[in-house]
Amino acid sequence: MNERTQGAITYMRNYGRLDLFITCNPKWNKIQAELFPGQLYINRHNLVARVFHLKISKLMEFITKSYIFRPRRCRMYTIEWQKEAYLTHIY
């Protein structure tokens, strides 16, 4: 874990700080549509993680192919779960 942290610091030193901070929203239609009546998203961690992963994959593909920001020099991200809110963040 320490090696990964050091690697991230090296990337930031060479390429600059992060550009995006993305948060998962459990009220997304794709998540709510898959829940049983009366079921809460906190009971379906796998569903939230799967939908978030699919959305991030599509977003990364869009960003890298369309160059909407600028040509990228590197790509790095970390996914963080918040246990109490059961939400996912990506930096």
PDB file of N, CA and C in Angstrom:
ATOM      1  N   MET A   1       0.828  -1.188   0.000  1.00  0.00           N
ATOM      2  CA  MET A   1       0.000   0.000   0.000  1.00  0.00           C
ATOM      3  C   MET A   1       0.873   1.253   0.000  1.00  0.00           C
ATOM      4  N   ASN A   2       1.940   1.237   0.756  1.00  0.00           N
ATOM      5  CA  ASN A   2       2.833   2.384   0.819  1.00  0.00           C
ATOM      6  C   ASN A   2       3.465   2.656  -0.544  1.00  0.00           C
ATOM      7  N   GLU A   3       3.793   1.592  -1.287  1.00  0.00           N
ATOM      8  CA  GLU A   3       4.380   1.762  -2.615  1.00  0.00           C
ATOM      9  C   GLU A   3       3.392   2.443  -3.556  1.00  0.00           C
ATOM     10  N   ARG A   4       2.136   2.086  -3.474  1.00  0.00           N
ATOM     11  CA  ARG A   4       1.119   2.715  -4.327  1.00  0.00           C
ATOM     12  C   ARG A   4       0.951   4.189  -3.979  1.00  0.00           C
ATOM     13  N   THR A   5       0.981   4.497  -2.695  1.00  0.00           N
ATOM     14  CA  THR A   5       0.877   5.891  -2.278  1.00  0.00           C
ATOM     15  C   THR A   5       2.053   6.688  -2.799  1.00  0.00           C
ATOM     16  N   GLN A   6       3.242   6.137  -2.676  1.00  0.00           N
ATOM     17  CA  GLN A   6       4.432   6.817  -3.187  1.00  0.00           C
ATOM     18  C   GLN A   6       4.345   6.994  -4.700  1.00  0.00           C
ATOM     19  N   GLY A   7       3.809   5.989  -5.392  1.00  0.00           N
ATOM     20  CA  GLY A   7       3.625   6.098  -6.837  1.00  0.00           C
ATOM     21  C   GLY A   7       2.666   7.212  -7.201  1.00  0.00           C
ATOM     22  N   ALA A   8       1.588   7.331  -6.444  1.00  0.00           N
ATOM     23  CA  ALA A   8       0.611   8.392  -6.701  1.00  0.00           C
ATOM     24  C   ALA A   8       1.220   9.765  -6.461  1.00  0.00           C
ATOM     25  N   ILE A   9       2.011   9.891  -5.421  1.00  0.00           N
ATOM     26  CA  ILE A   9       2.676  11.168  -5.137  1.00  0.00           C
ATOM     27  C   ILE A   9       3.641  11.524  -6.262  1.00  0.00           C
ATOM     28  N   THR A  10       4.346  10.536  -6.780  1.00  0.00           N
ATOM     29  CA  THR A  10       5.266  10.769  -7.893  1.00  0.00           C
ATOM     30  C   THR A  10       4.512  11.243  -9.127  1.00  0.00           C
ATOM     31  N   TYR A  11       3.380  10.604  -9.434  1.00  0.00           N
ATOM     32  CA  TYR A  11       2.565  11.042 -10.568  1.00  0.00           C
ATOM     33  C   TYR A  11       2.130  12.491 -10.387  1.00  0.00           C
ATOM     34  N   MET A  12       1.654  12.834  -9.206  1.00  0.00           N
ATOM     35  CA  MET A  12       1.195  14.196  -8.961  1.00  0.00           C
ATOM     36  C   MET A  12       2.340  15.193  -9.078  1.00  0.00           C
ATOM     37  N   ARG A  13       3.497  14.819  -8.619  1.00  0.00           N
ATOM     38  CA  ARG A  13       4.658  15.700  -8.708  1.00  0.00           C
ATOM     39  C   ARG A  13       5.030  15.951 -10.174  1.00  0.00           C
ATOM     40  N   ASN A  14       4.947  14.916 -11.005  1.00  0.00           N
ATOM     41  CA  ASN A  14       5.346  15.037 -12.407  1.00  0.00           C
ATOM     42  C   ASN A  14       4.258  15.618 -13.304  1.00  0.00           C
ATOM     43  N   TYR A  15       3.000  15.291 -13.037  1.00  0.00           N
ATOM     44  CA  TYR A  15       1.929  15.655 -13.955  1.00  0.00           C
ATOM     45  C   TYR A  15       0.936  16.669 -13.396  1.00  0.00           C
ATOM     46  N   GLY A  16       1.051  17.018 -12.150  1.00  0.00           N
ATOM     47  CA  GLY A  16       0.118  17.978 -11.561  1.00  0.00           C
ATOM     48  C   GLY A  16      -0.979  17.280 -10.775  1.00  0.00           C
ATOM     49  N   ARG A  17      -1.787  18.090 -10.117  1.00  0.00           N
ATOM     50  CA  ARG A  17      -2.831  17.524  -9.266  1.00  0.00           C
ATOM     51  C   ARG A  17      -3.997  17.000 -10.086  1.00  0.00           C
ATOM     52  N   LEU A  18      -4.916  16.343  -9.420  1.00  0.00           N
ATOM     53  CA  LEU A  18      -6.028  15.695 -10.103  1.00  0.00           C
ATOM     54  C   LEU A  18      -6.980  16.704 -10.731  1.00  0.00           C
ATOM     55  N   ASP A  19      -7.678  16.250 -11.753  1.00  0.00           N
ATOM     56  CA  ASP A  19      -8.614  17.107 -12.470  1.00  0.00           C
ATOM     57  C   ASP A  19     -10.068  16.819 -12.123  1.00  0.00           C
ATOM     58  N   LEU A  20     -10.384  15.595 -11.730  1.00  0.00           N
ATOM     59  CA  LEU A  20     -11.774  15.204 -11.503  1.00  0.00           C
ATOM     60  C   LEU A  20     -11.957  14.562 -10.133  1.00  0.00           C
ATOM     61  N   PHE A  21     -13.118  14.784  -9.561  1.00  0.00           N
ATOM     62  CA  PHE A  21     -13.551  14.097  -8.349  1.00  0.00           C
ATOM     63  C   PHE A  21     -14.978  13.645  -8.626  1.00  0.00           C
ATOM     64  N   ILE A  22     -15.219  12.348  -8.681  1.00  0.00           N
ATOM     65  CA  ILE A  22     -16.505  11.802  -9.098  1.00  0.00           C
ATOM     66  C   ILE A  22     -17.114  11.017  -7.942  1.00  0.00           C
ATOM     67  N   THR A  23     -18.379  11.244  -7.689  1.00  0.00           N
ATOM     68  CA  THR A  23     -19.083  10.577  -6.598  1.00  0.00           C
ATOM     69  C   THR A  23     -20.223   9.732  -7.155  1.00  0.00           C
ATOM     70  N   CYS A  24     -20.400   8.563  -6.588  1.00  0.00           N
ATOM     71  CA  CYS A  24     -21.519   7.693  -6.951  1.00  0.00           C
ATOM     72  C   CYS A  24     -22.786   8.208  -6.273  1.00  0.00           C
ATOM     73  N   ASN A  25     -23.869   8.207  -7.004  1.00  0.00           N
ATOM     74  CA  ASN A  25     -25.152   8.634  -6.458  1.00  0.00           C
ATOM     75  C   ASN A  25     -26.088   7.428  -6.422  1.00  0.00           C
ATOM     76  N   PRO A  26     -26.473   6.945  -5.249  1.00  0.00           N
ATOM     77  CA  PRO A  26     -27.333   5.764  -5.173  1.00  0.00           C
ATOM     78  C   PRO A  26     -28.744   6.007  -5.696  1.00  0.00           C
ATOM     79  N   LYS A  27     -29.080   7.238  -6.026  1.00  0.00           N
ATOM     80  CA  LYS A  27     -30.403   7.537  -6.578  1.00  0.00           C
ATOM     81  C   LYS A  27     -30.414   7.491  -8.101  1.00  0.00           C
ATOM     82  N   TRP A  28     -29.308   7.069  -8.707  1.00  0.00           N
ATOM     83  CA  TRP A  28     -29.291   6.902 -10.159  1.00  0.00           C
ATOM     84  C   TRP A  28     -30.382   5.917 -10.551  1.00  0.00           C
ATOM     85  N   ASN A  29     -31.005   6.168 -11.686  1.00  0.00           N
ATOM     86  CA  ASN A  29     -32.105   5.317 -12.159  1.00  0.00           C
ATOM     87  C   ASN A  29     -31.682   3.864 -12.331  1.00  0.00           C
ATOM     88  N   LYS A  30     -30.463   3.635 -12.804  1.00  0.00           N
ATOM     89  CA  LYS A  30     -30.012   2.255 -13.031  1.00  0.00           C
ATOM     90  C   LYS A  30     -29.904   1.474 -11.724  1.00  0.00           C
ATOM     91  N   ILE A  31     -29.619   2.147 -10.642  1.00  0.00           N
ATOM     92  CA  ILE A  31     -29.548   1.480  -9.336  1.00  0.00           C
ATOM     93  C   ILE A  31     -30.955   1.279  -8.785  1.00  0.00           C
ATOM     94  N   GLN A  32     -31.758   2.322  -8.806  1.00  0.00           N
ATOM     95  CA  GLN A  32     -33.109   2.248  -8.248  1.00  0.00           C
ATOM     96  C   GLN A  32     -33.986   1.239  -8.983  1.00  0.00           C
ATOM     97  N   ALA A  33     -33.777   1.094 -10.288  1.00  0.00           N
ATOM     98  CA  ALA A  33     -34.603   0.172 -11.079  1.00  0.00           C
ATOM     99  C   ALA A  33     -34.354  -1.289 -10.722  1.00  0.00           C
ATOM    100  N   GLU A  34     -33.185  -1.602 -10.202  1.00  0.00           N
ATOM    101  CA  GLU A  34     -32.840  -2.986  -9.880  1.00  0.00           C
ATOM    102  C   GLU A  34     -33.176  -3.384  -8.448  1.00  0.00           C
ATOM    103  N   LEU A  35     -33.592  -2.439  -7.635  1.00  0.00           N
ATOM    104  CA  LEU A  35     -33.944  -2.751  -6.248  1.00  0.00           C
ATOM    105  C   LEU A  35     -35.351  -3.334  -6.177  1.00  0.00           C
ATOM    106  N   PHE A  36     -35.541  -4.261  -5.262  1.00  0.00           N
ATOM    107  CA  PHE A  36     -36.878  -4.789  -5.015  1.00  0.00           C
ATOM    108  C   PHE A  36     -37.700  -3.733  -4.273  1.00  0.00           C
ATOM    109  N   PRO A  37     -39.018  -3.799  -4.339  1.00  0.00           N
ATOM    110  CA  PRO A  37     -39.842  -2.832  -3.613  1.00  0.00           C
ATOM    111  C   PRO A  37     -39.501  -2.840  -2.119  1.00  0.00           C
ATOM    112  N   GLY A  38     -39.239  -1.670  -1.590  1.00  0.00           N
ATOM    113  CA  GLY A  38     -38.897  -1.531  -0.180  1.00  0.00           C
ATOM    114  C   GLY A  38     -37.435  -1.776   0.145  1.00  0.00           C
ATOM    115  N   GLN A  39     -36.651  -2.215  -0.818  1.00  0.00           N
ATOM    116  CA  GLN A  39     -35.235  -2.493  -0.582  1.00  0.00           C
ATOM    117  C   GLN A  39     -34.427  -1.203  -0.715  1.00  0.00           C
ATOM    118  N   LEU A  40     -33.405  -1.068   0.113  1.00  0.00           N
ATOM    119  CA  LEU A  40     -32.533   0.100   0.076  1.00  0.00           C
ATOM    120  C   LEU A  40     -31.217  -0.244  -0.605  1.00  0.00           C
ATOM    121  N   TYR A  41     -30.582   0.771  -1.166  1.00  0.00           N
ATOM    122  CA  TYR A  41     -29.310   0.556  -1.850  1.00  0.00           C
ATOM    123  C   TYR A  41     -28.219   0.054  -0.907  1.00  0.00           C
ATOM    124  N   ILE A  42     -28.333   0.342   0.380  1.00  0.00           N
ATOM    125  CA  ILE A  42     -27.302  -0.110   1.320  1.00  0.00           C
ATOM    126  C   ILE A  42     -27.297  -1.629   1.480  1.00  0.00           C
ATOM    127  N   ASN A  43     -28.363  -2.283   1.036  1.00  0.00           N
ATOM    128  CA  ASN A  43     -28.421  -3.746   1.081  1.00  0.00           C
ATOM    129  C   ASN A  43     -27.872  -4.389  -0.184  1.00  0.00           C
ATOM    130  N   ARG A  44     -27.537  -3.591  -1.185  1.00  0.00           N
ATOM    131  CA  ARG A  44     -27.070  -4.113  -2.467  1.00  0.00           C
ATOM    132  C   ARG A  44     -25.735  -3.474  -2.859  1.00  0.00           C
ATOM    133  N   HIS A  45     -24.699  -3.740  -2.079  1.00  0.00           N
ATOM    134  CA  HIS A  45     -23.372  -3.178  -2.360  1.00  0.00           C
ATOM    135  C   HIS A  45     -22.883  -3.587  -3.741  1.00  0.00           C
ATOM    136  N   ASN A  46     -23.153  -4.838  -4.100  1.00  0.00           N
ATOM    137  CA  ASN A  46     -22.690  -5.338  -5.396  1.00  0.00           C
ATOM    138  C   ASN A  46     -23.322  -4.564  -6.545  1.00  0.00           C
ATOM    139  N   LEU A  47     -24.577  -4.223  -6.424  1.00  0.00           N
ATOM    140  CA  LEU A  47     -25.274  -3.481  -7.469  1.00  0.00           C
ATOM    141  C   LEU A  47     -24.698  -2.073  -7.613  1.00  0.00           C
ATOM    142  N   VAL A  48     -24.514  -1.394  -6.494  1.00  0.00           N
ATOM    143  CA  VAL A  48     -23.958  -0.039  -6.519  1.00  0.00           C
ATOM    144  C   VAL A  48     -22.561  -0.058  -7.126  1.00  0.00           C
ATOM    145  N   ALA A  49     -21.737  -1.007  -6.713  1.00  0.00           N
ATOM    146  CA  ALA A  49     -20.370  -1.099  -7.236  1.00  0.00           C
ATOM    147  C   ALA A  49     -20.369  -1.395  -8.730  1.00  0.00           C
ATOM    148  N   ARG A  50     -21.229  -2.277  -9.175  1.00  0.00           N
ATOM    149  CA  ARG A  50     -21.281  -2.642 -10.597  1.00  0.00           C
ATOM    150  C   ARG A  50     -21.712  -1.457 -11.454  1.00  0.00           C
ATOM    151  N   VAL A  51     -22.760  -0.763 -11.044  1.00  0.00           N
ATOM    152  CA  VAL A  51     -23.245   0.388 -11.811  1.00  0.00           C
ATOM    153  C   VAL A  51     -22.188   1.490 -11.832  1.00  0.00           C
ATOM    154  N   PHE A  52     -21.563   1.742 -10.691  1.00  0.00           N
ATOM    155  CA  PHE A  52     -20.524   2.778 -10.632  1.00  0.00           C
ATOM    156  C   PHE A  52     -19.354   2.413 -11.533  1.00  0.00           C
ATOM    157  N   HIS A  53     -18.943   1.154 -11.506  1.00  0.00           N
ATOM    158  CA  HIS A  53     -17.833   0.710 -12.358  1.00  0.00           C
ATOM    159  C   HIS A  53     -18.173   0.888 -13.838  1.00  0.00           C
ATOM    160  N   LEU A  54     -19.379   0.534 -14.237  1.00  0.00           N
ATOM    161  CA  LEU A  54     -19.791   0.699 -15.634  1.00  0.00           C
ATOM    162  C   LEU A  54     -19.799   2.169 -16.045  1.00  0.00           C
ATOM    163  N   LYS A  55     -20.305   3.024 -15.176  1.00  0.00           N
ATOM    164  CA  LYS A  55     -20.343   4.453 -15.494  1.00  0.00           C
ATOM    165  C   LYS A  55     -18.936   5.034 -15.584  1.00  0.00           C
ATOM    166  N   ILE A  56     -18.051   4.630 -14.682  1.00  0.00           N
ATOM    167  CA  ILE A  56     -16.669   5.120 -14.720  1.00  0.00           C
ATOM    168  C   ILE A  56     -15.966   4.621 -15.978  1.00  0.00           C
ATOM    169  N   SER A  57     -16.189   3.378 -16.349  1.00  0.00           N
ATOM    170  CA  SER A  57     -15.568   2.832 -17.561  1.00  0.00           C
ATOM    171  C   SER A  57     -15.999   3.614 -18.798  1.00  0.00           C
ATOM    172  N   LYS A  58     -17.281   3.906 -18.902  1.00  0.00           N
ATOM    173  CA  LYS A  58     -17.777   4.679 -20.045  1.00  0.00           C
ATOM    174  C   LYS A  58     -17.233   6.102 -20.028  1.00  0.00           C
ATOM    175  N   LEU A  59     -17.168   6.708 -18.849  1.00  0.00           N
ATOM    176  CA  LEU A  59     -16.639   8.064 -18.740  1.00  0.00           C
ATOM    177  C   LEU A  59     -15.169   8.112 -19.130  1.00  0.00           C
ATOM    178  N   MET A  60     -14.382   7.156 -18.644  1.00  0.00           N
ATOM    179  CA  MET A  60     -12.956   7.123 -18.987  1.00  0.00           C
ATOM    180  C   MET A  60     -12.756   6.930 -20.484  1.00  0.00           C
ATOM    181  N   GLU A  61     -13.558   6.076 -21.076  1.00  0.00           N
ATOM    182  CA  GLU A  61     -13.462   5.858 -22.523  1.00  0.00           C
ATOM    183  C   GLU A  61     -13.809   7.144 -23.277  1.00  0.00           C
ATOM    184  N   PHE A  62     -14.854   7.830 -22.845  1.00  0.00           N
ATOM    185  CA  PHE A  62     -15.249   9.083 -23.487  1.00  0.00           C
ATOM    186  C   PHE A  62     -14.154  10.137 -23.363  1.00  0.00           C
ATOM    187  N   ILE A  63     -13.600  10.277 -22.167  1.00  0.00           N
ATOM    188  CA  ILE A  63     -12.564  11.288 -21.938  1.00  0.00           C
ATOM    189  C   ILE A  63     -11.321  11.002 -22.772  1.00  0.00           C
ATOM    190  N   THR A  64     -10.900   9.751 -22.814  1.00  0.00           N
ATOM    191  CA  THR A  64      -9.659   9.431 -23.520  1.00  0.00           C
ATOM    192  C   THR A  64      -9.810   9.475 -25.034  1.00  0.00           C
ATOM    193  N   LYS A  65     -10.987   9.193 -25.550  1.00  0.00           N
ATOM    194  CA  LYS A  65     -11.167   9.184 -27.005  1.00  0.00           C
ATOM    195  C   LYS A  65     -11.581  10.535 -27.574  1.00  0.00           C
ATOM    196  N   SER A  66     -12.234  11.364 -26.796  1.00  0.00           N
ATOM    197  CA  SER A  66     -12.741  12.626 -27.333  1.00  0.00           C
ATOM    198  C   SER A  66     -11.824  13.815 -27.051  1.00  0.00           C
ATOM    199  N   TYR A  67     -10.891  13.672 -26.126  1.00  0.00           N
ATOM    200  CA  TYR A  67      -9.973  14.762 -25.757  1.00  0.00           C
ATOM    201  C   TYR A  67     -10.735  16.040 -25.404  1.00  0.00           C
ATOM    202  N   ILE A  68     -11.785  15.911 -24.614  1.00  0.00           N
ATOM    203  CA  ILE A  68     -12.575  17.084 -24.269  1.00  0.00           C
ATOM    204  C   ILE A  68     -11.816  18.045 -23.355  1.00  0.00           C
ATOM    205  N   PHE A  69     -10.869  17.559 -22.592  1.00  0.00           N
ATOM    206  CA  PHE A  69     -10.085  18.439 -21.732  1.00  0.00           C
ATOM    207  C   PHE A  69      -8.801  18.858 -22.436  1.00  0.00           C
ATOM    208  N   ARG A  70      -7.959  17.929 -22.660  1.00  0.00           N
ATOM    209  CA  ARG A  70      -6.690  18.101 -23.371  1.00  0.00           C
ATOM    210  C   ARG A  70      -6.109  16.707 -23.525  1.00  0.00           C
ATOM    211  N   PRO A  71      -5.151  16.529 -24.409  1.00  0.00           N
ATOM    212  CA  PRO A  71      -4.545  15.193 -24.503  1.00  0.00           C
ATOM    213  C   PRO A  71      -3.964  14.793 -23.144  1.00  0.00           C
ATOM    214  N   ARG A  72      -4.243  13.606 -22.723  1.00  0.00           N
ATOM    215  CA  ARG A  72      -3.787  13.182 -21.396  1.00  0.00           C
ATOM    216  C   ARG A  72      -2.351  12.692 -21.450  1.00  0.00           C
ATOM    217  N   ARG A  73      -1.639  12.994 -20.393  1.00  0.00           N
ATOM    218  CA  ARG A  73      -0.263  12.528 -20.270  1.00  0.00           C
ATOM    219  C   ARG A  73      -0.187  11.277 -19.421  1.00  0.00           C
ATOM    220  N   CYS A  74      -1.129  11.122 -18.526  1.00  0.00           N
ATOM    221  CA  CYS A  74      -1.182   9.907 -17.709  1.00  0.00           C
ATOM    222  C   CYS A  74      -2.604   9.762 -17.174  1.00  0.00           C
ATOM    223  N   ARG A  75      -2.893   8.578 -16.676  1.00  0.00           N
ATOM    224  CA  ARG A  75      -4.201   8.320 -16.074  1.00  0.00           C
ATOM    225  C   ARG A  75      -3.981   7.497 -14.823  1.00  0.00           C
ATOM    226  N   MET A  76      -4.573   7.957 -13.749  1.00  0.00           N
ATOM    227  CA  MET A  76      -4.477   7.252 -12.482  1.00  0.00           C
ATOM    228  C   MET A  76      -5.730   7.581 -11.690  1.00  0.00           C
ATOM    229  N   TYR A  77      -6.264   6.588 -11.016  1.00  0.00           N
ATOM    230  CA  TYR A  77      -7.401   6.870 -10.153  1.00  0.00           C
ATOM    231  C   TYR A  77      -7.413   5.897  -8.990  1.00  0.00           C
ATOM    232  N   THR A  78      -8.094   6.312  -7.958  1.00  0.00           N
ATOM    233  CA  THR A  78      -8.282   5.461  -6.792  1.00  0.00           C
ATOM    234  C   THR A  78      -9.763   5.481  -6.434  1.00  0.00           C
ATOM    235  N   ILE A  79     -10.273   4.346  -6.049  1.00  0.00           N
ATOM    236  CA  ILE A  79     -11.680   4.225  -5.674  1.00  0.00           C
ATOM    237  C   ILE A  79     -11.752   4.082  -4.164  1.00  0.00           C
ATOM    238  N   GLU A  80     -12.620   4.858  -3.552  1.00  0.00           N
ATOM    239  CA  GLU A  80     -12.727   4.870  -2.095  1.00  0.00           C
ATOM    240  C   GLU A  80     -14.181   4.658  -1.692  1.00  0.00           C
ATOM    241  N   TRP A  81     -14.405   3.703  -0.810  1.00  0.00           N
ATOM    242  CA  TRP A  81     -15.740   3.449  -0.270  1.00  0.00           C
ATOM    243  C   TRP A  81     -15.893   4.186   1.043  1.00  0.00           C
ATOM    244  N   GLN A  82     -17.041   4.788   1.251  1.00  0.00           N
ATOM    245  CA  GLN A  82     -17.376   5.353   2.547  1.00  0.00           C
ATOM    246  C   GLN A  82     -18.350   4.395   3.201  1.00  0.00           C
ATOM    247  N   LYS A  83     -17.909   3.769   4.256  1.00  0.00           N
ATOM    248  CA  LYS A  83     -18.687   2.706   4.874  1.00  0.00           C
ATOM    249  C   LYS A  83     -20.013   3.192   5.461  1.00  0.00           C
ATOM    250  N   GLU A  84     -20.012   4.347   6.088  1.00  0.00           N
ATOM    251  CA  GLU A  84     -21.223   4.805   6.759  1.00  0.00           C
ATOM    252  C   GLU A  84     -22.297   5.253   5.775  1.00  0.00           C
ATOM    253  N   ALA A  85     -21.892   5.875   4.678  1.00  0.00           N
ATOM    254  CA  ALA A  85     -22.873   6.349   3.697  1.00  0.00           C
ATOM    255  C   ALA A  85     -23.046   5.355   2.556  1.00  0.00           C
ATOM    256  N   TYR A  86     -22.179   4.360   2.482  1.00  0.00           N
ATOM    257  CA  TYR A  86     -22.204   3.353   1.417  1.00  0.00           C
ATOM    258  C   TYR A  86     -22.132   3.990   0.034  1.00  0.00           C
ATOM    259  N   LEU A  87     -21.324   5.008  -0.073  1.00  0.00           N
ATOM    260  CA  LEU A  87     -21.128   5.683  -1.348  1.00  0.00           C
ATOM    261  C   LEU A  87     -19.699   5.465  -1.816  1.00  0.00           C
ATOM    262  N   THR A  88     -19.505   5.597  -3.100  1.00  0.00           N
ATOM    263  CA  THR A  88     -18.197   5.408  -3.692  1.00  0.00           C
ATOM    264  C   THR A  88     -17.720   6.732  -4.257  1.00  0.00           C
ATOM    265  N   HIS A  89     -16.437   7.015  -4.077  1.00  0.00           N
ATOM    266  CA  HIS A  89     -15.814   8.191  -4.678  1.00  0.00           C
ATOM    267  C   HIS A  89     -14.655   7.706  -5.522  1.00  0.00           C
ATOM    268  N   ILE A  90     -14.336   8.461  -6.525  1.00  0.00           N
ATOM    269  CA  ILE A  90     -13.152   8.170  -7.320  1.00  0.00           C
ATOM    270  C   ILE A  90     -12.398   9.479  -7.503  1.00  0.00           C
ATOM    271  N   TYR A  91     -11.095   9.407  -7.295  1.00  0.00           N
ATOM    272  CA  TYR A  91     -10.227  10.578  -7.453  1.00  0.00           C
ATOM    273  C   TYR A  91      -9.376  10.375  -8.677  1.00  0.00           C
TER     274      TYR A  91
END
